[in-house]
Full PDB file with SEQRES, HELIX, SHEET, SSBOND, CRYST1, ORIGX, SCALE, CONECT and MASTER records, all heavy atoms in Angstrom:
SEQRES   1 A   35  LYS PRO LEU ILE LEU THR GLY ALA ARG GLN VAL GLY LYS          
SEQRES   2 A   35  THR TRP LEU MET LYS GLU PHE GLY ARG LEU TYR PHE GLU          
SEQRES   3 A   35  ASP VAL CYS TYR ILE ASN PHE GLU ASN                          
HELIX    1 AA1 LYS A   13  TYR A   24  1                                  12    
CRYST1    1.000    1.000    1.000  90.00  90.00  90.00 P 1           1          
ORIGX1      1.000000  0.000000  0.000000        0.00000                         
ORIGX2      0.000000  1.000000  0.000000        0.00000                         
ORIGX3      0.000000  0.000000  1.000000        0.00000                         
SCALE1      1.000000  0.000000  0.000000        0.00000                         
SCALE2      0.000000  1.000000  0.000000        0.00000                         
SCALE3      0.000000  0.000000  1.000000        0.00000                         
ATOM      1  N   LYS A   1      40.198   2.941 -21.636  1.00  0.00           N  
ATOM      2  CA  LYS A   1      40.931   3.306 -22.778  1.00  0.00           C  
ATOM      3  C   LYS A   1      41.022   4.818 -22.830  1.00  0.00           C  
ATOM      4  O   LYS A   1      40.146   5.496 -22.352  1.00  0.00           O  
ATOM      5  CB  LYS A   1      40.483   2.631 -24.027  1.00  0.00           C  
ATOM      6  CG  LYS A   1      40.443   1.074 -23.873  1.00  0.00           C  
ATOM      7  CD  LYS A   1      39.751   0.520 -25.155  1.00  0.00           C  
ATOM      8  CE  LYS A   1      39.619  -0.996 -25.137  1.00  0.00           C  
ATOM      9  NZ  LYS A   1      38.795  -1.518 -26.236  1.00  0.00           N  
ATOM     10  N   PRO A   2      41.833   5.342 -23.687  1.00  0.00           N  
ATOM     11  CA  PRO A   2      41.725   6.809 -24.093  1.00  0.00           C  
ATOM     12  C   PRO A   2      40.340   7.074 -24.637  1.00  0.00           C  
ATOM     13  O   PRO A   2      39.699   6.257 -25.302  1.00  0.00           O  
ATOM     14  CB  PRO A   2      42.728   7.072 -25.139  1.00  0.00           C  
ATOM     15  CG  PRO A   2      43.818   5.987 -24.863  1.00  0.00           C  
ATOM     16  CD  PRO A   2      43.080   4.728 -24.333  1.00  0.00           C  
ATOM     17  N   LEU A   3      39.696   8.195 -24.109  1.00  0.00           N  
ATOM     18  CA  LEU A   3      38.310   8.410 -24.353  1.00  0.00           C  
ATOM     19  C   LEU A   3      38.087   9.459 -25.416  1.00  0.00           C  
ATOM     20  O   LEU A   3      38.882  10.529 -25.455  1.00  0.00           O  
ATOM     21  CB  LEU A   3      37.667   8.924 -23.001  1.00  0.00           C  
ATOM     22  CG  LEU A   3      36.049   9.252 -23.193  1.00  0.00           C  
ATOM     23  CD1 LEU A   3      35.332   8.062 -23.425  1.00  0.00           C  
ATOM     24  CD2 LEU A   3      35.633   9.854 -21.763  1.00  0.00           C  
ATOM     25  N   ILE A   4      37.126   9.270 -26.298  1.00  0.00           N  
ATOM     26  CA  ILE A   4      36.722  10.264 -27.265  1.00  0.00           C  
ATOM     27  C   ILE A   4      35.239  10.580 -27.086  1.00  0.00           C  
ATOM     28  O   ILE A   4      34.339   9.829 -27.038  1.00  0.00           O  
ATOM     29  CB  ILE A   4      36.967   9.826 -28.604  1.00  0.00           C  
ATOM     30  CG1 ILE A   4      38.401   9.432 -29.074  1.00  0.00           C  
ATOM     31  CG2 ILE A   4      36.363  10.974 -29.720  1.00  0.00           C  
ATOM     32  CD1 ILE A   4      38.704   9.013 -30.396  1.00  0.00           C  
ATOM     33  N   LEU A   5      34.964  11.946 -26.778  1.00  0.00           N  
ATOM     34  CA  LEU A   5      33.669  12.419 -26.785  1.00  0.00           C  
ATOM     35  C   LEU A   5      33.272  12.841 -28.226  1.00  0.00           C  
ATOM     36  O   LEU A   5      33.923  13.524 -28.747  1.00  0.00           O  
ATOM     37  CB  LEU A   5      33.589  13.681 -25.801  1.00  0.00           C  
ATOM     38  CG  LEU A   5      33.794  13.419 -24.281  1.00  0.00           C  
ATOM     39  CD1 LEU A   5      33.465  14.701 -23.610  1.00  0.00           C  
ATOM     40  CD2 LEU A   5      33.135  12.235 -23.706  1.00  0.00           C  
ATOM     41  N   THR A   6      32.112  12.363 -28.592  1.00  0.00           N  
ATOM     42  CA  THR A   6      31.587  12.651 -29.927  1.00  0.00           C  
ATOM     43  C   THR A   6      30.360  13.400 -29.775  1.00  0.00           C  
ATOM     44  O   THR A   6      29.613  13.391 -28.754  1.00  0.00           O  
ATOM     45  CB  THR A   6      31.425  11.424 -30.765  1.00  0.00           C  
ATOM     46  OG1 THR A   6      30.406  10.569 -30.133  1.00  0.00           O  
ATOM     47  CG2 THR A   6      32.659  10.567 -30.956  1.00  0.00           C  
ATOM     48  N   GLY A   7      30.049  14.056 -30.865  1.00  0.00           N  
ATOM     49  CA  GLY A   7      28.749  14.857 -30.875  1.00  0.00           C  
ATOM     50  C   GLY A   7      28.925  16.119 -31.710  1.00  0.00           C  
ATOM     51  O   GLY A   7      30.090  16.534 -31.964  1.00  0.00           O  
ATOM     52  N   ALA A   8      27.824  16.714 -31.995  1.00  0.00           N  
ATOM     53  CA  ALA A   8      27.934  17.919 -32.769  1.00  0.00           C  
ATOM     54  C   ALA A   8      28.605  19.102 -32.080  1.00  0.00           C  
ATOM     55  O   ALA A   8      28.802  18.992 -30.896  1.00  0.00           O  
ATOM     56  CB  ALA A   8      26.465  18.364 -33.164  1.00  0.00           C  
ATOM     57  N   ARG A   9      28.886  20.145 -32.751  1.00  0.00           N  
ATOM     58  CA  ARG A   9      29.478  21.316 -32.112  1.00  0.00           C  
ATOM     59  C   ARG A   9      28.395  22.032 -31.230  1.00  0.00           C  
ATOM     60  O   ARG A   9      27.201  21.893 -31.496  1.00  0.00           O  
ATOM     61  CB  ARG A   9      29.820  22.346 -33.084  1.00  0.00           C  
ATOM     62  CG  ARG A   9      31.079  21.868 -33.915  1.00  0.00           C  
ATOM     63  CD  ARG A   9      31.636  22.921 -34.892  1.00  0.00           C  
ATOM     64  NE  ARG A   9      32.833  22.540 -35.700  1.00  0.00           N  
ATOM     65  CZ  ARG A   9      34.061  22.611 -35.203  1.00  0.00           C  
ATOM     66  NH1 ARG A   9      34.260  23.127 -33.994  1.00  0.00           N  
ATOM     67  NH2 ARG A   9      35.160  22.194 -35.938  1.00  0.00           N  
ATOM     68  N   GLN A  10      28.885  22.667 -30.169  1.00  0.00           N  
ATOM     69  CA  GLN A  10      28.116  23.349 -29.186  1.00  0.00           C  
ATOM     70  C   GLN A  10      27.113  22.554 -28.314  1.00  0.00           C  
ATOM     71  O   GLN A  10      26.222  23.135 -27.719  1.00  0.00           O  
ATOM     72  CB  GLN A  10      27.189  24.427 -30.031  1.00  0.00           C  
ATOM     73  CG  GLN A  10      27.960  25.302 -30.852  1.00  0.00           C  
ATOM     74  CD  GLN A  10      29.046  26.156 -30.185  1.00  0.00           C  
ATOM     75  OE1 GLN A  10      28.827  26.693 -29.232  1.00  0.00           O  
ATOM     76  NE2 GLN A  10      30.236  26.231 -30.775  1.00  0.00           N  
ATOM     77  N   VAL A  11      27.366  21.263 -28.260  1.00  0.00           N  
ATOM     78  CA  VAL A  11      26.614  20.431 -27.294  1.00  0.00           C  
ATOM     79  C   VAL A  11      27.257  20.423 -25.917  1.00  0.00           C  
ATOM     80  O   VAL A  11      26.683  19.731 -24.941  1.00  0.00           O  
ATOM     81  CB  VAL A  11      26.395  19.070 -27.843  1.00  0.00           C  
ATOM     82  CG1 VAL A  11      25.545  19.100 -29.017  1.00  0.00           C  
ATOM     83  CG2 VAL A  11      27.684  18.249 -28.064  1.00  0.00           C  
ATOM     84  N   GLY A  12      28.433  20.954 -25.748  1.00  0.00           N  
ATOM     85  CA  GLY A  12      29.057  21.126 -24.379  1.00  0.00           C  
ATOM     86  C   GLY A  12      30.135  20.111 -24.089  1.00  0.00           C  
ATOM     87  O   GLY A  12      30.520  19.903 -22.912  1.00  0.00           O  
ATOM     88  N   LYS A  13      30.824  19.632 -25.156  1.00  0.00           N  
ATOM     89  CA  LYS A  13      31.900  18.608 -24.930  1.00  0.00           C  
ATOM     90  C   LYS A  13      33.039  19.170 -24.223  1.00  0.00           C  
ATOM     91  O   LYS A  13      33.685  18.706 -23.213  1.00  0.00           O  
ATOM     92  CB  LYS A  13      32.347  18.115 -26.330  1.00  0.00           C  
ATOM     93  CG  LYS A  13      31.349  17.318 -26.981  1.00  0.00           C  
ATOM     94  CD  LYS A  13      31.867  16.747 -28.333  1.00  0.00           C  
ATOM     95  CE  LYS A  13      32.432  17.574 -29.254  1.00  0.00           C  
ATOM     96  NZ  LYS A  13      31.307  18.520 -29.969  1.00  0.00           N  
ATOM     97  N   THR A  14      33.453  20.457 -24.589  1.00  0.00           N  
ATOM     98  CA  THR A  14      34.618  21.083 -23.946  1.00  0.00           C  
ATOM     99  C   THR A  14      34.285  21.420 -22.512  1.00  0.00           C  
ATOM    100  O   THR A  14      35.119  21.162 -21.644  1.00  0.00           O  
ATOM    101  CB  THR A  14      34.989  22.382 -24.671  1.00  0.00           C  
ATOM    102  OG1 THR A  14      35.350  22.181 -26.149  1.00  0.00           O  
ATOM    103  CG2 THR A  14      36.057  23.133 -23.979  1.00  0.00           C  
ATOM    104  N   TRP A  15      33.206  21.941 -22.242  1.00  0.00           N  
ATOM    105  CA  TRP A  15      32.741  22.240 -20.877  1.00  0.00           C  
ATOM    106  C   TRP A  15      32.800  20.997 -19.917  1.00  0.00           C  
ATOM    107  O   TRP A  15      33.357  20.855 -18.815  1.00  0.00           O  
ATOM    108  CB  TRP A  15      31.435  22.856 -20.787  1.00  0.00           C  
ATOM    109  CG  TRP A  15      30.922  23.209 -19.355  1.00  0.00           C  
ATOM    110  CD1 TRP A  15      31.259  24.370 -18.620  1.00  0.00           C  
ATOM    111  CD2 TRP A  15      30.277  22.334 -18.408  1.00  0.00           C  
ATOM    112  NE1 TRP A  15      30.763  24.249 -17.440  1.00  0.00           N  
ATOM    113  CE2 TRP A  15      30.104  23.119 -17.276  1.00  0.00           C  
ATOM    114  CE3 TRP A  15      29.703  21.110 -18.628  1.00  0.00           C  
ATOM    115  CZ2 TRP A  15      29.443  22.474 -16.172  1.00  0.00           C  
ATOM    116  CZ3 TRP A  15      29.107  20.527 -17.512  1.00  0.00           C  
ATOM    117  CH2 TRP A  15      28.836  21.248 -16.332  1.00  0.00           C  
ATOM    118  N   LEU A  16      32.257  19.952 -20.480  1.00  0.00           N  
ATOM    119  CA  LEU A  16      32.237  18.635 -19.907  1.00  0.00           C  
ATOM    120  C   LEU A  16      33.534  18.122 -19.434  1.00  0.00           C  
ATOM    121  O   LEU A  16      33.901  17.711 -18.349  1.00  0.00           O  
ATOM    122  CB  LEU A  16      31.520  17.540 -20.680  1.00  0.00           C  
ATOM    123  CG  LEU A  16      29.989  17.342 -20.459  1.00  0.00           C  
ATOM    124  CD1 LEU A  16      29.411  16.546 -21.553  1.00  0.00           C  
ATOM    125  CD2 LEU A  16      29.743  16.810 -19.107  1.00  0.00           C  
ATOM    126  N   MET A  17      34.504  18.184 -20.407  1.00  0.00           N  
ATOM    127  CA  MET A  17      35.926  17.724 -20.118  1.00  0.00           C  
ATOM    128  C   MET A  17      36.634  18.617 -19.063  1.00  0.00           C  
ATOM    129  O   MET A  17      37.175  18.005 -18.070  1.00  0.00           O  
ATOM    130  CB  MET A  17      36.695  17.644 -21.361  1.00  0.00           C  
ATOM    131  CG  MET A  17      36.236  16.652 -22.488  1.00  0.00           C  
ATOM    132  SD  MET A  17      37.359  16.477 -23.896  1.00  0.00           S  
ATOM    133  CE  MET A  17      37.151  18.106 -24.686  1.00  0.00           C  
ATOM    134  N   LYS A  18      36.515  19.846 -19.233  1.00  0.00           N  
ATOM    135  CA  LYS A  18      37.143  20.728 -18.195  1.00  0.00           C  
ATOM    136  C   LYS A  18      36.480  20.595 -16.871  1.00  0.00           C  
ATOM    137  O   LYS A  18      37.248  20.627 -15.869  1.00  0.00           O  
ATOM    138  CB  LYS A  18      36.989  22.191 -18.717  1.00  0.00           C  
ATOM    139  CG  LYS A  18      37.977  22.501 -19.994  1.00  0.00           C  
ATOM    140  CD  LYS A  18      37.796  23.970 -20.251  1.00  0.00           C  
ATOM    141  CE  LYS A  18      38.774  24.344 -21.318  1.00  0.00           C  
ATOM    142  NZ  LYS A  18      38.651  25.780 -21.729  1.00  0.00           N  
ATOM    143  N   GLU A  19      35.135  20.535 -16.780  1.00  0.00           N  
ATOM    144  CA  GLU A  19      34.607  20.404 -15.459  1.00  0.00           C  
ATOM    145  C   GLU A  19      34.798  19.024 -14.824  1.00  0.00           C  
ATOM    146  O   GLU A  19      35.061  18.915 -13.726  1.00  0.00           O  
ATOM    147  CB  GLU A  19      33.028  20.547 -15.682  1.00  0.00           C  
ATOM    148  CG  GLU A  19      32.202  20.514 -14.422  1.00  0.00           C  
ATOM    149  CD  GLU A  19      32.461  21.717 -13.470  1.00  0.00           C  
ATOM    150  OE1 GLU A  19      33.233  22.645 -13.844  1.00  0.00           O  
ATOM    151  OE2 GLU A  19      31.725  21.817 -12.361  1.00  0.00           O  
ATOM    152  N   PHE A  20      34.864  17.995 -15.702  1.00  0.00           N  
ATOM    153  CA  PHE A  20      35.197  16.638 -15.231  1.00  0.00           C  
ATOM    154  C   PHE A  20      36.662  16.698 -14.637  1.00  0.00           C  
ATOM    155  O   PHE A  20      36.926  16.112 -13.542  1.00  0.00           O  
ATOM    156  CB  PHE A  20      35.235  15.616 -16.542  1.00  0.00           C  
ATOM    157  CG  PHE A  20      35.823  14.352 -16.194  1.00  0.00           C  
ATOM    158  CD1 PHE A  20      35.240  13.528 -15.184  1.00  0.00           C  
ATOM    159  CD2 PHE A  20      36.739  13.643 -17.044  1.00  0.00           C  
ATOM    160  CE1 PHE A  20      35.681  12.264 -14.928  1.00  0.00           C  
ATOM    161  CE2 PHE A  20      37.206  12.464 -16.666  1.00  0.00           C  
ATOM    162  CZ  PHE A  20      36.714  11.661 -15.690  1.00  0.00           C  
ATOM    163  N   GLY A  21      37.568  17.411 -15.371  1.00  0.00           N  
ATOM    164  CA  GLY A  21      38.913  17.458 -14.807  1.00  0.00           C  
ATOM    165  C   GLY A  21      38.998  18.190 -13.424  1.00  0.00           C  
ATOM    166  O   GLY A  21      39.779  17.895 -12.600  1.00  0.00           O  
ATOM    167  N   ARG A  22      38.206  19.267 -13.433  1.00  0.00           N  
ATOM    168  CA  ARG A  22      38.119  20.082 -12.144  1.00  0.00           C  
ATOM    169  C   ARG A  22      37.669  19.210 -11.007  1.00  0.00           C  
ATOM    170  O   ARG A  22      38.159  19.333  -9.821  1.00  0.00           O  
ATOM    171  CB  ARG A  22      37.286  21.217 -12.263  1.00  0.00           C  
ATOM    172  CG  ARG A  22      37.221  22.235 -11.182  1.00  0.00           C  
ATOM    173  CD  ARG A  22      36.357  23.460 -11.442  1.00  0.00           C  
ATOM    174  NE  ARG A  22      34.936  23.004 -11.319  1.00  0.00           N  
ATOM    175  CZ  ARG A  22      34.171  22.845 -10.144  1.00  0.00           C  
ATOM    176  NH1 ARG A  22      34.824  23.038  -9.016  1.00  0.00           N  
ATOM    177  NH2 ARG A  22      32.970  22.463 -10.093  1.00  0.00           N  
ATOM    178  N   LEU A  23      36.619  18.529 -11.225  1.00  0.00           N  
ATOM    179  CA  LEU A  23      35.936  17.653 -10.207  1.00  0.00           C  
ATOM    180  C   LEU A  23      36.640  16.404  -9.752  1.00  0.00           C  
ATOM    181  O   LEU A  23      36.594  16.028  -8.525  1.00  0.00           O  
ATOM    182  CB  LEU A  23      34.479  17.271 -10.637  1.00  0.00           C  
ATOM    183  CG  LEU A  23      33.577  18.547 -10.714  1.00  0.00           C  
ATOM    184  CD1 LEU A  23      32.217  18.009 -11.348  1.00  0.00           C  
ATOM    185  CD2 LEU A  23      33.333  19.219  -9.453  1.00  0.00           C  
ATOM    186  N   TYR A  24      37.424  15.762 -10.639  1.00  0.00           N  
ATOM    187  CA  TYR A  24      37.867  14.403 -10.390  1.00  0.00           C  
ATOM    188  C   TYR A  24      39.321  14.375 -10.510  1.00  0.00           C  
ATOM    189  O   TYR A  24      39.941  13.338 -10.203  1.00  0.00           O  
ATOM    190  CB  TYR A  24      37.284  13.443 -11.398  1.00  0.00           C  
ATOM    191  CG  TYR A  24      35.806  13.231 -11.151  1.00  0.00           C  
ATOM    192  CD1 TYR A  24      34.795  13.970 -11.850  1.00  0.00           C  
ATOM    193  CD2 TYR A  24      35.338  12.327 -10.237  1.00  0.00           C  
ATOM    194  CE1 TYR A  24      33.480  13.778 -11.670  1.00  0.00           C  
ATOM    195  CE2 TYR A  24      34.019  11.970  -9.942  1.00  0.00           C  
ATOM    196  CZ  TYR A  24      33.049  12.825 -10.700  1.00  0.00           C  
ATOM    197  OH  TYR A  24      31.672  12.564 -10.439  1.00  0.00           O  
ATOM    198  N   PHE A  25      40.134  15.418 -10.819  1.00  0.00           N  
ATOM    199  CA  PHE A  25      41.588  15.291 -10.926  1.00  0.00           C  
ATOM    200  C   PHE A  25      42.225  16.464 -10.227  1.00  0.00           C  
ATOM    201  O   PHE A  25      41.623  17.432  -9.936  1.00  0.00           O  
ATOM    202  CB  PHE A  25      42.083  15.349 -12.381  1.00  0.00           C  
ATOM    203  CG  PHE A  25      41.708  13.905 -13.201  1.00  0.00           C  
ATOM    204  CD1 PHE A  25      40.338  13.831 -13.675  1.00  0.00           C  
ATOM    205  CD2 PHE A  25      42.515  12.964 -13.304  1.00  0.00           C  
ATOM    206  CE1 PHE A  25      39.998  12.704 -14.348  1.00  0.00           C  
ATOM    207  CE2 PHE A  25      42.264  11.852 -14.036  1.00  0.00           C  
ATOM    208  CZ  PHE A  25      40.959  11.660 -14.536  1.00  0.00           C  
ATOM    209  N   GLU A  26      43.481  16.353  -9.908  1.00  0.00           N  
ATOM    210  CA  GLU A  26      44.280  17.309  -9.235  1.00  0.00           C  
ATOM    211  C   GLU A  26      44.747  18.379 -10.167  1.00  0.00           C  
ATOM    212  O   GLU A  26      44.987  19.549  -9.908  1.00  0.00           O  
ATOM    213  CB  GLU A  26      45.394  16.704  -8.475  1.00  0.00           C  
ATOM    214  CG  GLU A  26      45.018  15.758  -7.204  1.00  0.00           C  
ATOM    215  CD  GLU A  26      46.170  15.314  -6.556  1.00  0.00           C  
ATOM    216  OE1 GLU A  26      47.319  15.794  -6.732  1.00  0.00           O  
ATOM    217  OE2 GLU A  26      46.018  14.359  -5.831  1.00  0.00           O  
ATOM    218  N   ASP A  27      45.025  17.909 -11.524  1.00  0.00           N  
ATOM    219  CA  ASP A  27      45.540  18.898 -12.554  1.00  0.00           C  
ATOM    220  C   ASP A  27      44.920  18.532 -13.883  1.00  0.00           C  
ATOM    221  O   ASP A  27      44.466  17.361 -14.149  1.00  0.00           O  
ATOM    222  CB  ASP A  27      47.073  18.584 -12.579  1.00  0.00           C  
ATOM    223  CG  ASP A  27      47.818  19.533 -13.394  1.00  0.00           C  
ATOM    224  OD1 ASP A  27      47.282  20.641 -13.668  1.00  0.00           O  
ATOM    225  OD2 ASP A  27      48.869  19.188 -14.093  1.00  0.00           O  
ATOM    226  N   VAL A  28      44.846  19.452 -14.729  1.00  0.00           N  
ATOM    227  CA  VAL A  28      44.365  19.293 -16.073  1.00  0.00           C  
ATOM    228  C   VAL A  28      45.223  19.998 -17.048  1.00  0.00           C  
ATOM    229  O   VAL A  28      45.607  21.199 -16.843  1.00  0.00           O  
ATOM    230  CB  VAL A  28      42.929  19.922 -16.237  1.00  0.00           C  
ATOM    231  CG1 VAL A  28      42.553  19.794 -17.642  1.00  0.00           C  
ATOM    232  CG2 VAL A  28      41.898  19.357 -15.315  1.00  0.00           C  
ATOM    233  N   CYS A  29      45.720  19.255 -18.008  1.00  0.00           N  
ATOM    234  CA  CYS A  29      46.426  19.784 -19.233  1.00  0.00           C  
ATOM    235  C   CYS A  29      45.587  19.777 -20.361  1.00  0.00           C  
ATOM    236  O   CYS A  29      45.175  18.704 -21.007  1.00  0.00           O  
ATOM    237  CB  CYS A  29      47.698  18.855 -19.434  1.00  0.00           C  
ATOM    238  SG  CYS A  29      48.720  19.338 -20.801  1.00  0.00           S  
ATOM    239  N   TYR A  30      45.134  21.012 -20.759  1.00  0.00           N  
ATOM    240  CA  TYR A  30      44.128  21.214 -21.837  1.00  0.00           C  
ATOM    241  C   TYR A  30      44.810  21.661 -23.094  1.00  0.00           C  
ATOM    242  O   TYR A  30      45.608  22.674 -23.021  1.00  0.00           O  
ATOM    243  CB  TYR A  30      43.043  22.150 -21.433  1.00  0.00           C  
ATOM    244  CG  TYR A  30      42.074  22.540 -22.457  1.00  0.00           C  
ATOM    245  CD1 TYR A  30      41.042  21.770 -22.835  1.00  0.00           C  
ATOM    246  CD2 TYR A  30      42.220  23.787 -23.264  1.00  0.00           C  
ATOM    247  CE1 TYR A  30      40.172  21.928 -23.860  1.00  0.00           C  
ATOM    248  CE2 TYR A  30      41.441  24.193 -24.237  1.00  0.00           C  
ATOM    249  CZ  TYR A  30      40.342  23.238 -24.541  1.00  0.00           C  
ATOM    250  OH  TYR A  30      39.486  23.532 -25.610  1.00  0.00           O  
ATOM    251  N   ILE A  31      44.591  20.985 -24.109  1.00  0.00           N  
ATOM    252  CA  ILE A  31      45.177  21.422 -25.492  1.00  0.00           C  
ATOM    253  C   ILE A  31      43.982  21.515 -26.423  1.00  0.00           C  
ATOM    254  O   ILE A  31      43.229  20.480 -26.693  1.00  0.00           O  
ATOM    255  CB  ILE A  31      46.136  20.469 -25.930  1.00  0.00           C  
ATOM    256  CG1 ILE A  31      47.355  20.391 -25.043  1.00  0.00           C  
ATOM    257  CG2 ILE A  31      46.734  20.739 -27.288  1.00  0.00           C  
ATOM    258  CD1 ILE A  31      48.400  19.254 -25.245  1.00  0.00           C  
ATOM    259  N   ASN A  32      43.812  22.613 -27.158  1.00  0.00           N  
ATOM    260  CA  ASN A  32      42.848  22.737 -28.142  1.00  0.00           C  
ATOM    261  C   ASN A  32      43.528  22.759 -29.483  1.00  0.00           C  
ATOM    262  O   ASN A  32      44.295  23.590 -29.868  1.00  0.00           O  
ATOM    263  CB  ASN A  32      42.168  24.146 -27.978  1.00  0.00           C  
ATOM    264  CG  ASN A  32      40.995  24.288 -29.036  1.00  0.00           C  
ATOM    265  OD1 ASN A  32      40.917  23.529 -29.921  1.00  0.00           O  
ATOM    266  ND2 ASN A  32      40.265  25.339 -28.841  1.00  0.00           N  
ATOM    267  N   PHE A  33      43.358  21.617 -30.293  1.00  0.00           N  
ATOM    268  CA  PHE A  33      44.024  21.408 -31.520  1.00  0.00           C  
ATOM    269  C   PHE A  33      43.434  22.221 -32.604  1.00  0.00           C  
ATOM    270  O   PHE A  33      43.945  22.227 -33.762  1.00  0.00           O  
ATOM    271  CB  PHE A  33      43.985  19.938 -31.807  1.00  0.00           C  
ATOM    272  CG  PHE A  33      44.957  19.120 -31.118  1.00  0.00           C  
ATOM    273  CD1 PHE A  33      44.570  18.123 -30.266  1.00  0.00           C  
ATOM    274  CD2 PHE A  33      46.349  19.345 -31.053  1.00  0.00           C  
ATOM    275  CE1 PHE A  33      45.483  17.258 -29.544  1.00  0.00           C  
ATOM    276  CE2 PHE A  33      47.149  18.671 -30.392  1.00  0.00           C  
ATOM    277  CZ  PHE A  33      46.791  17.652 -29.579  1.00  0.00           C  
ATOM    278  N   GLU A  34      42.349  22.926 -32.458  1.00  0.00           N  
ATOM    279  CA  GLU A  34      41.734  23.929 -33.325  1.00  0.00           C  
ATOM    280  C   GLU A  34      42.652  24.963 -33.531  1.00  0.00           C  
ATOM    281  O   GLU A  34      42.773  25.592 -34.654  1.00  0.00           O  
ATOM    282  CB  GLU A  34      40.331  24.296 -33.040  1.00  0.00           C  
ATOM    283  CG  GLU A  34      39.535  24.805 -34.110  1.00  0.00           C  
ATOM    284  CD  GLU A  34      38.115  24.824 -33.928  1.00  0.00           C  
ATOM    285  OE1 GLU A  34      37.689  25.134 -32.764  1.00  0.00           O  
ATOM    286  OE2 GLU A  34      37.218  24.489 -34.662  1.00  0.00           O  
ATOM    287  N   ASN A  35      43.354  25.398 -32.415  1.00  0.00           N  
ATOM    288  CA  ASN A  35      44.369  26.416 -32.539  1.00  0.00           C  
ATOM    289  C   ASN A  35      45.691  25.946 -31.795  1.00  0.00           C  
ATOM    290  O   ASN A  35      46.102  26.420 -30.795  1.00  0.00           O  
ATOM    291  CB  ASN A  35      43.851  27.704 -31.746  1.00  0.00           C  
ATOM    292  CG  ASN A  35      42.590  28.311 -32.276  1.00  0.00           C  
ATOM    293  OD1 ASN A  35      42.611  28.702 -33.458  1.00  0.00           O  
ATOM    294  ND2 ASN A  35      41.562  28.272 -31.495  1.00  0.00           N  
TER     295      ASN A  35                                                      
MASTER        0    0    0    1    0    0    0    6  294    1    0    3          
END                                                                             
């Protein structure tokens, strides 16, 4: 199902998602809803 990573700020969620995309997918569409 669509995945949600939970956890406090600064524990590495953004890095994990981007690195996951780099390692396991051909393309990554990243959107930061904070901005």
